[in-house]
Amino acid sequence: MSRDKVTIYDTTLRDGAQREGISWSLEDKKRIVRRLDALGVDLIEAGWPGSNPKDAALFAKSAELELKHAQLSAFGATRRAGLAAQDDPQVLALVDAHTPACTIFGKSSVLHVREVLRCSLDENLAMIADTIAFLRAQGRRVVYDAEHFFDGHALDARYAIETIRAAAGAGAETIVLCDTNGGTMPWQIEAVIAEVRAAVGVTIGIHAHDDAGCGVANSLAAIRAGARHVQGTINGYGERCGNANLCAVIPGIELKLGLRALPEGRLPELPEVARLVAELANLAPDDHMPYVGRSAFAHKGGVHVAAIRRNADSYQHIDPARVGNECRVVVSELSGRANLLARADELGLELDARANDALAAIKEREARGAAFEAADASVALLLRRHAPGYAPPFQLVEYRVLSHGDHAGRAAAEATVKLRVGDRVIHTAAEGEGPVHALDAALRKALVPAFPGVARIALADYKVRILDGNAGTRAVTRVLIDFTDGEHGWSTVGASASILEATWAALADGIEFGIGTEAQTQLTEAHA
């Protein structure tokens, strides 16, 4: 039995680009369009023809995109007052974009007609109807965005509805009610949608902004009231506080309202799409985003973890796999035995008898400044060290670091490291551009002969945080290091009043974890 379909209209390339700090390149735009098409989005707003060279180039190359599911829509405004639609350059640019659909926005509020357009109310109605009729005559599908509709309805409901009747009468296939200022509440949305559906016999859509934190709620309220077209952006990017976040709206449609938004089987692709768009925007992915964020199904509190180990549904509103995500257990000072036992299960470790010792070690290290939530490799090593039979690949005997500079501002450092590897003691030295670089070089120099894979381990990121600025140079420093071997990534943590000691703890953990990961990989391949 088929489910009722809601049209998904993505405006990441236009409305999303209005967020401060975002500027898509032409290649970014093409990658996003192709990925949205593969996801199963129905309409993609590609930009405003004539507004900038990148949008023009995208429209010119739209045939090269070879879309399988989605259609592109060119965005523009109603004709200018006193000018025929066929004579308005920006309306003609929509035609020249050669997209199957065009999206036109017009004024619904008497305030905007009088104070912004500064034309008569009748002229505004004519502008809406003339523009849509002209584009329909050119063979275009037309989506009409009724800008400021909810605010306009509150000022003069009769006129607001008259504007969308003009759009419907001229041939618009969908009338989209826009909460442009983002201040309408969900219950108001539902009431207005019901009134509009009774007055206009075409598909009704919703375009919500998030200025009051209700962008997703307003979109779902509109759909619940009968709207069957929803506009939004990936990750909720947009002007001011952003637009309705399609990464939350789409799962809400399918999993909460029981309607269809994407083709069958595409919903689990949402996290990957969210990460791609964030990467192209040069923004860090929001780990705490509903449904698709890395922390959306992460459990930290000991009571919660104990419960989900007995029944996964006890602290999860859906199965994470339905949206391409997974349940994670976070280890921290708030953890209980269940957190550690869950993490040990993931690592294939027997920890029952020593769980309390491992838990005490984590709490003690966090009390001294460590933070294990973002340092999974340090957690894994701590658990391995408390499991029976674990032998570390190396042990520190001592290290020393000398750094010096000259009057010209040139700095250099030298580090010596003494390690025990098996029954041998290895003593090496290395120079570097700074103390961390020298320490890293000396450690690698000591280990590569015994563990060649260490040469492939690279530092991907190095973060330092001062935990108590009031203590001045005596403050505890937390160091987080991200590592990669080209295929896998992991993170470690160290904390101390000495930045070098904190760095050594994180650095040594990262290399030890990498050696163990390589050994495990080789063992798996040998048995394959």
Protein backbone atom coordinates (compact mmCIF):
# COMPACT_ATOMS: atom_id res chain seq x y z
CA MET A 1 0.00 0.00 0.00
CA SER A 2 1.60 3.27 -1.13
CA ARG A 3 2.02 6.15 1.28
CA ASP A 4 1.03 9.73 0.55
CA LYS A 5 3.97 11.59 -1.03
CA VAL A 6 5.41 14.91 0.13
CA THR A 7 7.46 16.78 -2.48
CA ILE A 8 10.95 17.61 -1.18
CA TYR A 9 12.27 20.93 -2.46
CA ASP A 10 15.88 21.75 -1.60
CA THR A 11 17.14 25.35 -1.53
CA THR A 12 20.62 24.73 -0.09
CA LEU A 13 22.31 26.32 -3.11
CA ARG A 14 20.38 29.59 -2.82
CA ASP A 15 18.86 30.06 0.63
CA GLY A 16 21.64 28.01 2.22
CA ALA A 17 24.26 30.24 0.59
CA GLN A 18 22.74 33.24 2.38
CA ARG A 19 24.25 32.01 5.64
CA GLU A 20 27.21 34.13 6.71
CA GLY A 21 30.47 32.46 5.74
CA ILE A 22 29.13 30.18 2.98
CA SER A 23 30.12 30.69 -0.64
CA TRP A 24 29.70 27.70 -2.93
CA SER A 25 32.07 27.32 -5.87
CA LEU A 26 30.67 26.13 -9.19
CA GLU A 27 32.13 22.66 -8.55
CA ASP A 28 30.56 22.66 -5.06
CA LYS A 29 27.18 23.43 -6.57
CA LYS A 30 27.49 20.63 -9.12
CA ARG A 31 28.51 18.08 -6.48
CA ILE A 32 25.63 19.08 -4.22
CA VAL A 33 23.10 18.88 -7.07
CA ARG A 34 24.29 15.42 -8.08
CA ARG A 35 24.22 14.16 -4.50
CA LEU A 36 20.73 15.55 -3.85
CA ASP A 37 19.55 13.91 -7.06
CA ALA A 38 20.97 10.57 -5.92
CA LEU A 39 19.28 11.03 -2.53
CA GLY A 40 15.92 11.40 -4.27
CA VAL A 41 15.10 15.08 -3.74
CA ASP A 42 12.32 16.14 -6.14
CA LEU A 43 13.16 19.78 -6.88
CA ILE A 44 16.49 21.57 -6.46
CA GLU A 45 16.56 25.34 -6.43
CA ALA A 46 19.76 25.99 -8.38
CA GLY A 47 19.97 29.74 -7.89
CA TRP A 48 18.84 33.09 -9.24
CA PRO A 49 19.73 33.47 -12.95
CA GLY A 50 21.57 36.67 -13.69
CA SER A 51 22.37 37.43 -10.05
CA ASN A 52 25.96 36.16 -10.22
CA PRO A 53 28.33 34.42 -12.67
CA LYS A 54 28.42 31.10 -10.75
CA ASP A 55 24.65 30.66 -10.93
CA ALA A 56 24.71 31.55 -14.62
CA ALA A 57 27.46 28.98 -15.22
CA LEU A 58 25.52 26.29 -13.35
CA PHE A 59 22.42 26.85 -15.45
CA ALA A 60 24.53 26.84 -18.61
CA LYS A 61 26.01 23.46 -17.67
CA SER A 62 22.83 21.95 -16.22
CA ALA A 63 22.50 19.44 -19.07
CA GLU A 64 25.89 17.97 -18.11
CA LEU A 65 24.54 17.04 -14.67
CA GLU A 66 22.46 14.19 -16.18
CA LEU A 67 19.97 14.12 -13.31
CA LYS A 68 18.08 10.88 -12.80
CA HIS A 69 15.33 11.96 -10.39
CA ALA A 70 15.38 15.63 -9.44
CA GLN A 71 14.45 18.64 -11.55
CA LEU A 72 16.18 22.00 -11.32
CA SER A 73 14.25 25.14 -10.56
CA ALA A 74 15.38 28.69 -11.33
CA PHE A 75 14.45 31.24 -8.69
CA GLY A 76 13.26 34.79 -9.27
CA ALA A 77 10.77 37.51 -8.42
CA THR A 78 7.52 38.67 -9.91
CA ARG A 79 7.83 41.31 -12.62
CA ARG A 80 8.52 44.87 -11.58
CA ALA A 81 5.64 47.29 -11.16
CA GLY A 82 4.69 49.01 -14.40
CA LEU A 83 6.68 46.61 -16.59
CA ALA A 84 5.27 43.72 -18.63
CA ALA A 85 6.61 40.29 -17.70
CA GLN A 86 7.98 39.71 -21.22
CA ASP A 87 9.94 42.96 -20.93
CA ASP A 88 11.43 42.36 -17.48
CA PRO A 89 15.09 41.23 -17.77
CA GLN A 90 15.06 39.14 -14.61
CA VAL A 91 11.91 37.28 -15.72
CA LEU A 92 13.48 36.65 -19.14
CA ALA A 93 16.60 35.32 -17.37
CA LEU A 94 14.39 32.64 -15.81
CA VAL A 95 13.28 31.53 -19.26
CA ASP A 96 16.86 31.57 -20.53
CA ALA A 97 17.94 29.28 -17.67
CA HIS A 98 16.07 26.46 -19.46
CA THR A 99 15.10 24.68 -16.25
CA PRO A 100 11.94 22.55 -16.16
CA ALA A 101 10.61 24.57 -13.23
CA CYS A 102 10.69 28.16 -12.06
CA THR A 103 10.06 29.39 -8.54
CA ILE A 104 8.64 32.90 -8.23
CA PHE A 105 8.30 34.83 -5.01
CA GLY A 106 5.80 37.62 -4.55
CA LYS A 107 4.39 39.77 -1.78
CA SER A 108 1.55 38.54 0.44
CA SER A 109 1.65 41.29 3.03
CA VAL A 110 0.02 44.69 2.64
CA LEU A 111 2.96 46.08 4.63
CA HIS A 112 5.45 44.92 2.00
CA VAL A 113 3.31 45.98 -0.93
CA ARG A 114 2.89 49.49 0.43
CA GLU A 115 6.24 50.05 2.14
CA VAL A 116 8.70 47.92 0.13
CA LEU A 117 7.25 47.67 -3.39
CA ARG A 118 5.43 51.00 -2.99
CA CYS A 119 2.74 50.09 -5.47
CA SER A 120 -1.00 49.54 -5.24
CA LEU A 121 -2.49 46.34 -3.91
CA ASP A 122 -4.11 45.68 -7.29
CA GLU A 123 -0.80 46.17 -9.12
CA ASN A 124 0.82 43.57 -6.85
CA LEU A 125 -1.90 41.06 -7.76
CA ALA A 126 -1.30 41.78 -11.45
CA MET A 127 2.46 41.34 -11.02
CA ILE A 128 1.92 37.89 -9.51
CA ALA A 129 -0.57 36.72 -12.13
CA ASP A 130 1.25 38.17 -15.15
CA THR A 131 4.61 36.64 -14.24
CA ILE A 132 3.23 33.17 -13.59
CA ALA A 133 1.07 33.22 -16.73
CA PHE A 134 4.06 34.27 -18.85
CA LEU A 135 6.26 31.46 -17.50
CA ARG A 136 3.49 28.92 -17.93
CA ALA A 137 3.16 30.04 -21.56
CA GLN A 138 6.87 29.28 -21.95
CA GLY A 139 6.23 25.70 -20.83
CA ARG A 140 7.62 25.97 -17.31
CA ARG A 141 6.29 24.39 -14.15
CA VAL A 142 5.75 27.20 -11.67
CA VAL A 143 6.10 27.07 -7.90
CA TYR A 144 4.87 30.26 -6.25
CA ASP A 145 6.52 31.29 -2.97
CA ALA A 146 4.12 33.53 -1.06
CA GLU A 147 6.68 35.60 0.81
CA HIS A 148 5.83 36.79 4.35
CA PHE A 149 2.54 34.95 4.06
CA PHE A 150 1.93 34.25 7.76
CA ASP A 151 2.84 37.78 8.84
CA GLY A 152 0.74 39.14 5.98
CA HIS A 153 -2.17 36.92 6.95
CA ALA A 154 -2.01 38.29 10.49
CA LEU A 155 -2.20 41.87 9.12
CA ASP A 156 -4.86 41.36 6.45
CA ALA A 157 -5.99 37.76 5.93
CA ARG A 158 -8.35 38.65 3.07
CA TYR A 159 -5.61 40.26 0.97
CA ALA A 160 -3.06 37.56 1.74
CA ILE A 161 -5.42 34.89 0.45
CA GLU A 162 -6.27 37.06 -2.57
CA THR A 163 -2.58 37.03 -3.59
CA ILE A 164 -2.37 33.26 -3.64
CA ARG A 165 -5.68 32.98 -5.48
CA ALA A 166 -4.11 35.18 -8.15
CA ALA A 167 -1.13 32.82 -8.33
CA ALA A 168 -3.30 29.71 -8.52
CA GLY A 169 -5.55 31.27 -11.15
CA ALA A 170 -2.53 32.08 -13.34
CA GLY A 171 -1.35 28.47 -13.34
CA ALA A 172 0.99 27.94 -10.38
CA GLU A 173 1.07 24.22 -9.62
CA THR A 174 2.13 24.70 -5.99
CA ILE A 175 1.55 27.59 -3.60
CA VAL A 176 4.24 27.73 -0.92
CA LEU A 177 3.41 29.67 2.24
CA CYS A 178 6.58 31.29 3.57
CA ASP A 179 7.30 32.09 7.19
CA THR A 180 9.98 34.48 5.97
CA ASN A 181 10.76 36.12 9.30
CA GLY A 182 10.65 32.77 11.11
CA GLY A 183 8.50 33.93 14.01
CA THR A 184 5.27 31.94 13.54
CA MET A 185 4.38 29.16 15.98
CA PRO A 186 3.36 25.60 14.95
CA TRP A 187 -0.27 25.94 16.09
CA GLN A 188 -0.61 29.13 14.03
CA ILE A 189 0.86 27.35 11.01
CA GLU A 190 -1.70 24.54 11.26
CA ALA A 191 -4.64 26.92 11.51
CA VAL A 192 -3.58 29.00 8.51
CA ILE A 193 -2.81 25.94 6.35
CA ALA A 194 -6.30 24.60 7.01
CA GLU A 195 -7.84 27.94 6.00
CA VAL A 196 -5.75 28.21 2.83
CA ARG A 197 -6.49 24.65 1.70
CA ALA A 198 -10.19 25.45 1.88
CA ALA A 199 -9.68 28.61 -0.19
CA VAL A 200 -7.25 27.44 -2.89
CA GLY A 201 -7.52 24.20 -4.83
CA VAL A 202 -3.85 23.55 -5.57
CA THR A 203 -1.01 21.83 -3.71
CA ILE A 204 0.08 23.81 -0.66
CA GLY A 205 3.70 23.92 0.48
CA ILE A 206 5.66 25.32 3.44
CA HIS A 207 8.90 27.32 3.56
CA ALA A 208 9.94 27.89 7.19
CA HIS A 209 12.82 29.82 8.70
CA ASP A 210 14.22 29.05 12.14
CA ASP A 211 14.36 32.44 13.86
CA ALA A 212 12.17 31.21 16.73
CA GLY A 213 13.67 27.71 16.72
CA CYS A 214 10.55 26.25 15.10
CA GLY A 215 11.66 25.69 11.49
CA VAL A 216 11.38 21.90 11.62
CA ALA A 217 8.31 21.92 13.89
CA ASN A 218 6.52 24.40 11.63
CA SER A 219 7.30 22.32 8.54
CA LEU A 220 5.93 19.16 10.14
CA ALA A 221 2.88 21.04 11.48
CA ALA A 222 2.12 22.28 7.96
CA ILE A 223 2.41 18.77 6.51
CA ARG A 224 0.22 17.41 9.28
CA ALA A 225 -2.36 20.03 8.31
CA GLY A 226 -2.28 18.95 4.67
CA ALA A 227 0.69 20.63 2.97
CA ARG A 228 2.34 18.24 0.50
CA HIS A 229 5.40 20.24 -0.52
CA VAL A 230 8.18 21.27 1.86
CA GLN A 231 11.18 23.53 1.28
CA GLY A 232 14.36 23.53 3.33
CA THR A 233 18.12 23.14 3.28
CA ILE A 234 20.61 20.45 4.20
CA ASN A 235 21.88 21.04 7.76
CA GLY A 236 19.43 23.95 8.10
CA TYR A 237 21.89 26.40 6.53
CA GLY A 238 20.38 29.77 5.68
CA GLU A 239 20.15 33.47 6.41
CA ARG A 240 20.13 34.64 10.06
CA CYS A 241 19.21 31.57 12.12
CA GLY A 242 18.79 29.32 9.11
CA ASN A 243 16.06 27.44 7.28
CA ALA A 244 14.07 24.34 8.14
CA ASN A 245 16.61 21.52 8.30
CA LEU A 246 15.75 18.83 5.76
CA CYS A 247 17.95 16.37 7.67
CA ALA A 248 15.33 16.50 10.44
CA VAL A 249 12.24 17.29 8.34
CA ILE A 250 12.63 14.29 6.02
CA PRO A 251 12.92 11.68 8.82
CA GLY A 252 10.03 13.41 10.56
CA ILE A 253 7.87 13.00 7.46
CA GLU A 254 8.71 9.33 7.03
CA LEU A 255 9.13 8.08 10.59
CA LYS A 256 6.77 10.31 12.57
CA LEU A 257 4.02 11.21 10.08
CA GLY A 258 4.10 7.96 8.11
CA LEU A 259 4.29 9.70 4.73
CA ARG A 260 6.76 9.24 1.89
CA ALA A 261 9.53 11.79 1.26
CA LEU A 262 12.35 9.92 -0.51
CA PRO A 263 12.49 6.84 -2.73
CA GLU A 264 12.52 3.56 -0.85
CA GLY A 265 15.83 2.83 0.87
CA ARG A 266 17.34 6.33 0.58
CA LEU A 267 16.70 7.59 4.14
CA PRO A 268 19.91 5.99 5.55
CA GLU A 269 21.95 8.15 3.14
CA LEU A 270 21.10 11.37 5.01
CA PRO A 271 24.13 11.42 7.35
CA GLU A 272 26.53 11.15 4.42
CA VAL A 273 24.73 13.96 2.57
CA ALA A 274 24.85 16.16 5.69
CA ARG A 275 28.61 15.59 6.06
CA LEU A 276 29.28 16.28 2.37
CA VAL A 277 27.43 19.60 2.41
CA ALA A 278 29.16 20.63 5.66
CA GLU A 279 32.54 19.76 4.16
CA LEU A 280 31.86 21.79 1.01
CA ALA A 281 30.66 24.69 3.17
CA ASN A 282 33.93 24.44 5.11
CA LEU A 283 31.95 24.08 8.34
CA ALA A 284 32.35 21.43 11.02
CA PRO A 285 29.46 18.93 10.97
CA ASP A 286 27.05 19.43 13.87
CA ASP A 287 27.55 16.27 15.93
CA HIS A 288 24.38 17.02 17.91
CA MET A 289 22.03 17.39 14.95
CA PRO A 290 18.90 15.24 15.31
CA TYR A 291 18.88 11.96 13.40
CA VAL A 292 22.15 12.43 11.45
CA GLY A 293 24.62 13.86 14.00
CA ARG A 294 27.37 11.65 15.36
CA SER A 295 26.00 12.19 18.88
CA ALA A 296 22.32 11.79 17.98
CA PHE A 297 22.33 8.29 19.48
CA ALA A 298 25.33 8.61 21.82
CA HIS A 299 24.81 7.57 25.43
CA LYS A 300 26.97 8.94 28.23
CA GLY A 301 25.09 8.63 31.52
CA GLY A 302 25.67 5.34 33.30
CA VAL A 303 21.96 4.78 34.00
CA HIS A 304 21.14 5.25 30.32
CA VAL A 305 23.83 2.86 29.14
CA ALA A 306 22.82 0.20 31.64
CA ALA A 307 19.26 0.45 30.31
CA ILE A 308 20.09 0.28 26.60
CA ARG A 309 22.28 -2.78 27.20
CA ARG A 310 19.09 -4.48 28.35
CA ASN A 311 16.76 -2.92 25.80
CA ALA A 312 18.01 -0.57 23.06
CA ASP A 313 14.61 1.13 22.83
CA SER A 314 14.74 2.32 26.43
CA TYR A 315 16.61 5.54 25.58
CA GLN A 316 16.22 5.84 21.78
CA HIS A 317 13.18 7.18 19.97
CA ILE A 318 13.98 5.21 16.78
CA ASP A 319 16.40 2.52 15.60
CA PRO A 320 19.44 4.60 14.48
CA ALA A 321 19.99 2.33 11.49
CA ARG A 322 16.77 3.64 9.93
CA VAL A 323 18.53 6.95 9.33
CA GLY A 324 21.97 5.55 8.62
CA ASN A 325 23.29 6.23 12.12
CA GLU A 326 24.42 4.05 15.01
CA CYS A 327 24.23 3.82 18.77
CA ARG A 328 27.43 4.84 20.55
CA VAL A 329 28.49 4.58 24.16
CA VAL A 330 30.53 7.53 25.43
CA VAL A 331 33.02 7.00 28.22
CA SER A 332 33.63 9.83 30.71
CA GLU A 333 33.64 10.61 34.42
CA LEU A 334 29.85 10.26 34.31
CA SER A 335 30.14 6.66 33.15
CA GLY A 336 29.11 3.60 35.06
CA ARG A 337 30.24 -0.02 34.69
CA ALA A 338 27.79 -0.45 31.83
CA ASN A 339 29.59 2.16 29.69
CA LEU A 340 32.89 0.35 30.06
CA LEU A 341 31.44 -3.09 29.56
CA ALA A 342 29.68 -1.88 26.38
CA ARG A 343 32.92 -0.37 25.06
CA ALA A 344 34.84 -3.53 26.00
CA ASP A 345 32.29 -5.62 24.09
CA GLU A 346 32.89 -3.47 21.01
CA LEU A 347 36.64 -4.15 21.34
CA GLY A 348 36.20 -7.85 22.03
CA LEU A 349 37.74 -7.57 25.52
CA GLU A 350 36.95 -9.53 28.68
CA LEU A 351 36.73 -6.89 31.39
CA ASP A 352 34.21 -8.04 33.98
CA ALA A 353 36.67 -8.59 36.83
CA ARG A 354 38.54 -5.34 36.23
CA ALA A 355 35.76 -2.98 35.17
CA ASN A 356 35.80 -1.13 38.48
CA ASP A 357 39.55 -0.55 38.25
CA ALA A 358 39.22 0.79 34.70
CA LEU A 359 36.31 3.02 35.71
CA ALA A 360 38.27 4.41 38.65
CA ALA A 361 41.23 5.16 36.36
CA ILE A 362 39.01 7.08 33.92
CA LYS A 363 37.38 9.15 36.66
CA GLU A 364 40.77 9.90 38.24
CA ARG A 365 42.28 11.02 34.91
CA GLU A 366 39.26 13.18 34.10
CA ALA A 367 39.57 14.79 37.53
CA ARG A 368 43.11 15.77 36.49
CA GLY A 369 41.93 17.32 33.22
CA ALA A 370 41.59 14.56 30.65
CA ALA A 371 38.38 14.27 28.60
CA PHE A 372 37.69 10.90 27.03
CA GLU A 373 34.53 11.72 25.05
CA ALA A 374 36.55 12.79 21.99
CA ALA A 375 39.42 10.36 22.59
CA ASP A 376 38.16 6.88 21.75
CA ALA A 377 41.66 5.50 21.23
CA SER A 378 42.74 6.51 24.74
CA VAL A 379 39.64 4.79 26.14
CA ALA A 380 40.38 1.65 24.12
CA LEU A 381 43.96 1.56 25.37
CA LEU A 382 42.91 2.09 28.98
CA LEU A 383 40.51 -0.86 28.70
CA ARG A 384 43.12 -3.05 26.99
CA ARG A 385 45.61 -2.27 29.74
CA HIS A 386 43.11 -3.49 32.32
CA ALA A 387 42.27 -6.65 30.36
CA PRO A 388 44.14 -9.88 31.13
CA GLY A 389 47.22 -10.62 29.06
CA TYR A 390 47.78 -7.22 27.46
CA ALA A 391 51.45 -6.35 26.84
CA PRO A 392 52.18 -2.83 25.53
CA PRO A 393 54.41 -2.70 22.43
CA PHE A 394 56.72 -0.21 24.14
CA GLN A 395 57.23 1.46 27.49
CA LEU A 396 58.73 4.86 28.26
CA VAL A 397 61.91 4.94 30.30
CA GLU A 398 62.43 8.69 29.99
CA TYR A 399 62.38 11.62 27.57
CA ARG A 400 64.07 15.00 27.50
CA VAL A 401 63.41 18.04 25.32
CA LEU A 402 65.69 21.01 24.75
CA SER A 403 64.43 24.01 22.82
CA HIS A 404 66.23 27.19 21.93
CA GLY A 405 65.81 30.31 19.84
CA ASP A 406 67.92 33.21 18.64
CA HIS A 407 67.56 36.98 18.29
CA ALA A 408 66.12 36.58 14.79
CA GLY A 409 63.13 34.60 16.07
CA ARG A 410 64.35 31.26 14.74
CA ALA A 411 63.39 28.36 17.01
CA ALA A 412 64.56 24.77 17.12
CA ALA A 413 64.31 21.83 19.48
CA GLU A 414 65.99 18.52 20.21
CA ALA A 415 64.36 15.56 21.93
CA THR A 416 65.87 12.37 23.32
CA VAL A 417 63.69 9.36 24.02
CA LYS A 418 64.57 6.16 25.87
CA LEU A 419 62.09 3.30 25.38
CA ARG A 420 61.85 -0.34 26.36
CA VAL A 421 60.78 -2.48 23.40
CA GLY A 422 60.59 -6.13 24.40
CA ASP A 423 63.85 -6.92 26.19
CA ARG A 424 65.75 -4.05 24.55
CA VAL A 425 66.22 -0.44 25.63
CA ILE A 426 66.36 1.97 22.68
CA HIS A 427 67.83 5.43 23.11
CA THR A 428 67.38 7.92 20.24
CA ALA A 429 67.47 11.64 19.56
CA ALA A 430 65.91 13.85 16.89
CA GLU A 431 65.64 17.52 16.03
CA GLY A 432 62.49 19.40 15.14
CA GLU A 433 61.08 22.83 14.44
CA GLY A 434 59.59 22.85 17.93
CA PRO A 435 59.45 20.61 21.00
CA VAL A 436 56.36 18.66 19.85
CA HIS A 437 57.85 18.04 16.42
CA ALA A 438 61.15 16.91 17.94
CA LEU A 439 59.42 14.59 20.44
CA ASP A 440 57.31 13.03 17.70
CA ALA A 441 60.37 12.54 15.47
CA ALA A 442 62.40 10.90 18.25
CA LEU A 443 59.55 8.54 19.17
CA ARG A 444 59.13 7.42 15.56
CA LYS A 445 62.86 7.02 15.10
CA ALA A 446 62.94 4.65 18.06
CA LEU A 447 59.94 2.57 16.97
CA VAL A 448 60.06 2.29 13.17
CA PRO A 449 62.76 -0.47 13.11
CA ALA A 450 60.55 -2.71 15.27
CA PHE A 451 57.19 -1.48 13.96
CA PRO A 452 57.51 -0.26 10.32
CA GLY A 453 53.83 0.68 10.21
CA VAL A 454 54.55 3.62 12.53
CA ALA A 455 55.93 5.45 9.49
CA ARG A 456 52.42 5.53 8.02
CA ILE A 457 50.84 7.06 11.12
CA ALA A 458 50.37 10.81 10.71
CA LEU A 459 49.12 13.55 13.02
CA ALA A 460 45.94 14.92 11.45
CA ASP A 461 45.20 17.55 14.09
CA TYR A 462 46.66 18.85 17.35
CA LYS A 463 44.45 20.80 19.76
CA VAL A 464 45.46 22.50 23.00
CA ARG A 465 43.08 23.83 25.62
CA ILE A 466 43.93 25.67 28.81
CA LEU A 467 41.53 24.43 31.50
CA ASP A 468 42.00 27.09 34.18
CA GLY A 469 43.15 30.42 32.82
CA ASN A 470 43.19 31.92 36.32
CA ALA A 471 46.18 29.72 37.15
CA GLY A 472 48.27 31.45 34.51
CA THR A 473 51.27 29.48 33.28
CA ARG A 474 50.60 26.85 35.99
CA ALA A 475 47.24 25.96 34.43
CA VAL A 476 46.44 22.40 33.44
CA THR A 477 46.66 21.91 29.68
CA ARG A 478 44.57 19.38 27.78
CA VAL A 479 45.99 18.08 24.50
CA LEU A 480 43.85 16.23 21.95
CA ILE A 481 45.58 14.64 18.96
CA ASP A 482 43.88 13.16 15.88
CA PHE A 483 45.80 10.46 14.00
CA THR A 484 45.36 8.71 10.66
CA ASP A 485 47.08 5.87 8.85
CA GLY A 486 45.42 6.73 5.55
CA GLU A 487 42.53 4.32 6.11
CA HIS A 488 41.50 4.77 9.74
CA GLY A 489 41.35 7.71 12.12
CA TRP A 490 41.58 7.83 15.92
CA SER A 491 41.97 10.37 18.71
CA THR A 492 43.81 10.50 22.03
CA VAL A 493 44.03 12.81 25.03
CA GLY A 494 46.58 13.90 27.60
CA ALA A 495 46.37 16.44 30.44
CA SER A 496 48.99 17.97 32.69
CA ALA A 497 50.30 21.26 34.02
CA SER A 498 53.19 20.57 31.62
CA ILE A 499 52.17 20.88 27.98
CA LEU A 500 54.99 18.49 27.04
CA GLU A 501 53.79 15.84 29.48
CA ALA A 502 50.22 16.21 28.18
CA THR A 503 51.52 15.99 24.61
CA TRP A 504 53.60 12.89 25.38
CA ALA A 505 50.59 11.12 26.91
CA ALA A 506 48.41 11.79 23.84
CA LEU A 507 51.24 11.13 21.38
CA ALA A 508 52.34 7.85 22.95
CA ASP A 509 48.72 6.64 23.20
CA GLY A 510 48.16 7.44 19.53
CA ILE A 511 51.22 5.53 18.36
CA GLU A 512 50.51 2.58 20.67
CA PHE A 513 46.92 2.39 19.42
CA GLY A 514 48.13 2.59 15.80
CA ILE A 515 50.59 -0.28 16.36
CA GLY A 516 47.81 -2.38 17.89
CA THR A 517 45.41 -1.56 15.04
CA GLU A 518 48.00 -2.58 12.43
CA ALA A 519 48.77 -5.80 14.27
CA GLN A 520 45.07 -6.64 14.48
CA THR A 521 44.63 -5.91 10.76
CA GLN A 522 47.56 -8.17 9.86
CA LEU A 523 46.16 -10.92 12.08
CA THR A 524 42.73 -10.63 10.43
CA GLU A 525 44.24 -10.74 6.93
CA ALA A 526 46.39 -13.74 7.85
CA HIS A 527 43.30 -15.69 8.90
CA ALA A 528 41.21 -14.57 5.92
